[in-house]
Amino acid sequence: MKPRPSVVRSVRCPGCGAGCIYAVENPYRPFCSARCKNHDFGAWASERFSVAAETDADAGIDSTVPGTDDGALAPVRPDQRDNQ
């Protein structure tokens, strides 16, 4: 059995729209360069991009304070956030 010839796949860089090779030889794939890759990473790091999170109501979690009639949310101190 003969090995399959590798097919070079060309894609558009999500950063600048330029054509680039999507292959192991391109260390920045799917980006065309380190600049585009870092620009995209910076956008995620500065929260210009985000993924919508599921709200407590969507997850079926009751986040109201027990014993209150007004449905007030429980205050959370910053040191308690990791424990929830």
C-alpha atoms as a PDB file:
ATOM      1  CA  MET A   1       0.000   0.000   0.000  1.00  0.00           C
ATOM      2  CA  LYS A   2       1.384   3.368  -1.019  1.00  0.00           C
ATOM      3  CA  PRO A   3       1.370   6.233   1.472  1.00  0.00           C
ATOM      4  CA  ARG A   4      -1.128   8.942   0.693  1.00  0.00           C
ATOM      5  CA  PRO A   5       0.447  12.099  -0.675  1.00  0.00           C
ATOM      6  CA  SER A   6       0.055  14.932   1.791  1.00  0.00           C
ATOM      7  CA  VAL A   7      -2.468  17.499   0.716  1.00  0.00           C
ATOM      8  CA  VAL A   8      -1.571  21.103   1.424  1.00  0.00           C
ATOM      9  CA  ARG A   9      -4.568  22.852   2.855  1.00  0.00           C
ATOM     10  CA  SER A  10      -4.814  26.606   2.476  1.00  0.00           C
ATOM     11  CA  VAL A  11      -7.016  28.557   4.894  1.00  0.00           C
ATOM     12  CA  ARG A  12      -7.693  32.211   5.616  1.00  0.00           C
ATOM     13  CA  CYS A  13      -5.972  33.649   8.672  1.00  0.00           C
ATOM     14  CA  PRO A  14      -8.661  34.525  11.240  1.00  0.00           C
ATOM     15  CA  GLY A  15      -6.618  37.591  12.208  1.00  0.00           C
ATOM     16  CA  CYS A  16      -5.951  39.365   8.930  1.00  0.00           C
ATOM     17  CA  GLY A  17      -7.684  37.265   6.289  1.00  0.00           C
ATOM     18  CA  ALA A  18      -4.519  36.433   4.366  1.00  0.00           C
ATOM     19  CA  GLY A  19      -4.123  32.972   2.899  1.00  0.00           C
ATOM     20  CA  CYS A  20      -1.892  30.626   4.894  1.00  0.00           C
ATOM     21  CA  ILE A  21      -0.974  26.958   4.989  1.00  0.00           C
ATOM     22  CA  TYR A  22      -2.715  24.821   7.596  1.00  0.00           C
ATOM     23  CA  ALA A  23      -0.042  22.207   8.196  1.00  0.00           C
ATOM     24  CA  VAL A  24       2.506  21.102  10.774  1.00  0.00           C
ATOM     25  CA  GLU A  25       5.093  23.234   8.992  1.00  0.00           C
ATOM     26  CA  ASN A  26       3.196  26.390  10.025  1.00  0.00           C
ATOM     27  CA  PRO A  27       3.828  26.811  13.772  1.00  0.00           C
ATOM     28  CA  TYR A  28       1.202  29.588  13.956  1.00  0.00           C
ATOM     29  CA  ARG A  29      -1.683  27.653  12.386  1.00  0.00           C
ATOM     30  CA  PRO A  30      -4.445  28.610  11.832  1.00  0.00           C
ATOM     31  CA  PHE A  31      -2.834  32.058  11.856  1.00  0.00           C
ATOM     32  CA  CYS A  32      -0.375  33.295   9.241  1.00  0.00           C
ATOM     33  CA  SER A  33       2.180  34.757  11.653  1.00  0.00           C
ATOM     34  CA  ALA A  34       3.170  35.250  15.282  1.00  0.00           C
ATOM     35  CA  ARG A  35       1.724  38.764  15.067  1.00  0.00           C
ATOM     36  CA  CYS A  36      -1.778  37.536  14.201  1.00  0.00           C
ATOM     37  CA  LYS A  37      -1.609  34.735  16.760  1.00  0.00           C
ATOM     38  CA  ASN A  38      -0.520  37.123  19.532  1.00  0.00           C
ATOM     39  CA  HIS A  39      -3.100  39.722  18.514  1.00  0.00           C
ATOM     40  CA  ASP A  40      -5.847  37.101  18.878  1.00  0.00           C
ATOM     41  CA  PHE A  41      -4.455  35.919  22.212  1.00  0.00           C
ATOM     42  CA  GLY A  42      -4.393  39.521  23.445  1.00  0.00           C
ATOM     43  CA  ALA A  43      -8.049  39.947  22.513  1.00  0.00           C
ATOM     44  CA  TRP A  44      -8.999  36.906  24.600  1.00  0.00           C
ATOM     45  CA  ALA A  45      -6.758  37.996  27.492  1.00  0.00           C
ATOM     46  CA  SER A  46      -8.303  41.473  27.581  1.00  0.00           C
ATOM     47  CA  GLU A  47     -11.785  39.903  27.359  1.00  0.00           C
ATOM     48  CA  ARG A  48     -12.697  41.501  24.025  1.00  0.00           C
ATOM     49  CA  PHE A  49     -13.754  37.964  23.100  1.00  0.00           C
ATOM     50  CA  SER A  50     -15.782  35.845  25.483  1.00  0.00           C
ATOM     51  CA  VAL A  51     -17.902  32.742  25.589  1.00  0.00           C
ATOM     52  CA  ALA A  52     -21.400  33.111  26.983  1.00  0.00           C
ATOM     53  CA  ALA A  53     -21.731  31.455  30.366  1.00  0.00           C
ATOM     54  CA  GLU A  54     -24.716  29.542  31.610  1.00  0.00           C
ATOM     55  CA  THR A  55     -26.652  31.542  34.202  1.00  0.00           C
ATOM     56  CA  ASP A  56     -27.693  30.063  37.542  1.00  0.00           C
ATOM     57  CA  ALA A  57     -31.291  29.915  36.328  1.00  0.00           C
ATOM     58  CA  ASP A  58     -30.242  27.980  33.220  1.00  0.00           C
ATOM     59  CA  ALA A  59     -28.282  25.520  35.361  1.00  0.00           C
ATOM     60  CA  GLY A  60     -31.168  25.016  37.784  1.00  0.00           C
ATOM     61  CA  ILE A  61     -29.212  26.487  40.712  1.00  0.00           C
ATOM     62  CA  ASP A  62     -31.087  28.402  43.399  1.00  0.00           C
ATOM     63  CA  SER A  63     -28.814  31.298  44.339  1.00  0.00           C
ATOM     64  CA  THR A  64     -31.250  33.150  46.593  1.00  0.00           C
ATOM     65  CA  VAL A  65     -30.657  33.637  50.301  1.00  0.00           C
ATOM     66  CA  PRO A  66     -32.628  31.103  52.345  1.00  0.00           C
ATOM     67  CA  GLY A  67     -35.200  32.725  54.613  1.00  0.00           C
ATOM     68  CA  THR A  68     -35.734  35.848  52.509  1.00  0.00           C
ATOM     69  CA  ASP A  69     -38.998  36.601  50.797  1.00  0.00           C
ATOM     70  CA  ASP A  70     -37.659  39.045  48.248  1.00  0.00           C
ATOM     71  CA  GLY A  71     -35.390  36.606  46.386  1.00  0.00           C
ATOM     72  CA  ALA A  72     -32.281  38.565  47.305  1.00  0.00           C
ATOM     73  CA  LEU A  73     -28.989  37.163  46.089  1.00  0.00           C
ATOM     74  CA  ALA A  74     -26.452  36.086  48.669  1.00  0.00           C
ATOM     75  CA  PRO A  75     -23.454  38.425  48.885  1.00  0.00           C
ATOM     76  CA  VAL A  76     -20.193  36.709  48.001  1.00  0.00           C
ATOM     77  CA  ARG A  77     -16.843  37.906  49.329  1.00  0.00           C
ATOM     78  CA  PRO A  78     -13.892  37.559  46.925  1.00  0.00           C
ATOM     79  CA  ASP A  79     -12.257  34.941  49.189  1.00  0.00           C
ATOM     80  CA  GLN A  80     -15.421  32.802  48.990  1.00  0.00           C
ATOM     81  CA  ARG A  81     -15.663  32.688  45.188  1.00  0.00           C
ATOM     82  CA  ASP A  82     -13.390  29.657  44.836  1.00  0.00           C
ATOM     83  CA  ASN A  83     -15.408  27.694  47.388  1.00  0.00           C
ATOM     84  CA  GLN A  84     -18.689  27.817  45.521  1.00  0.00           C
END
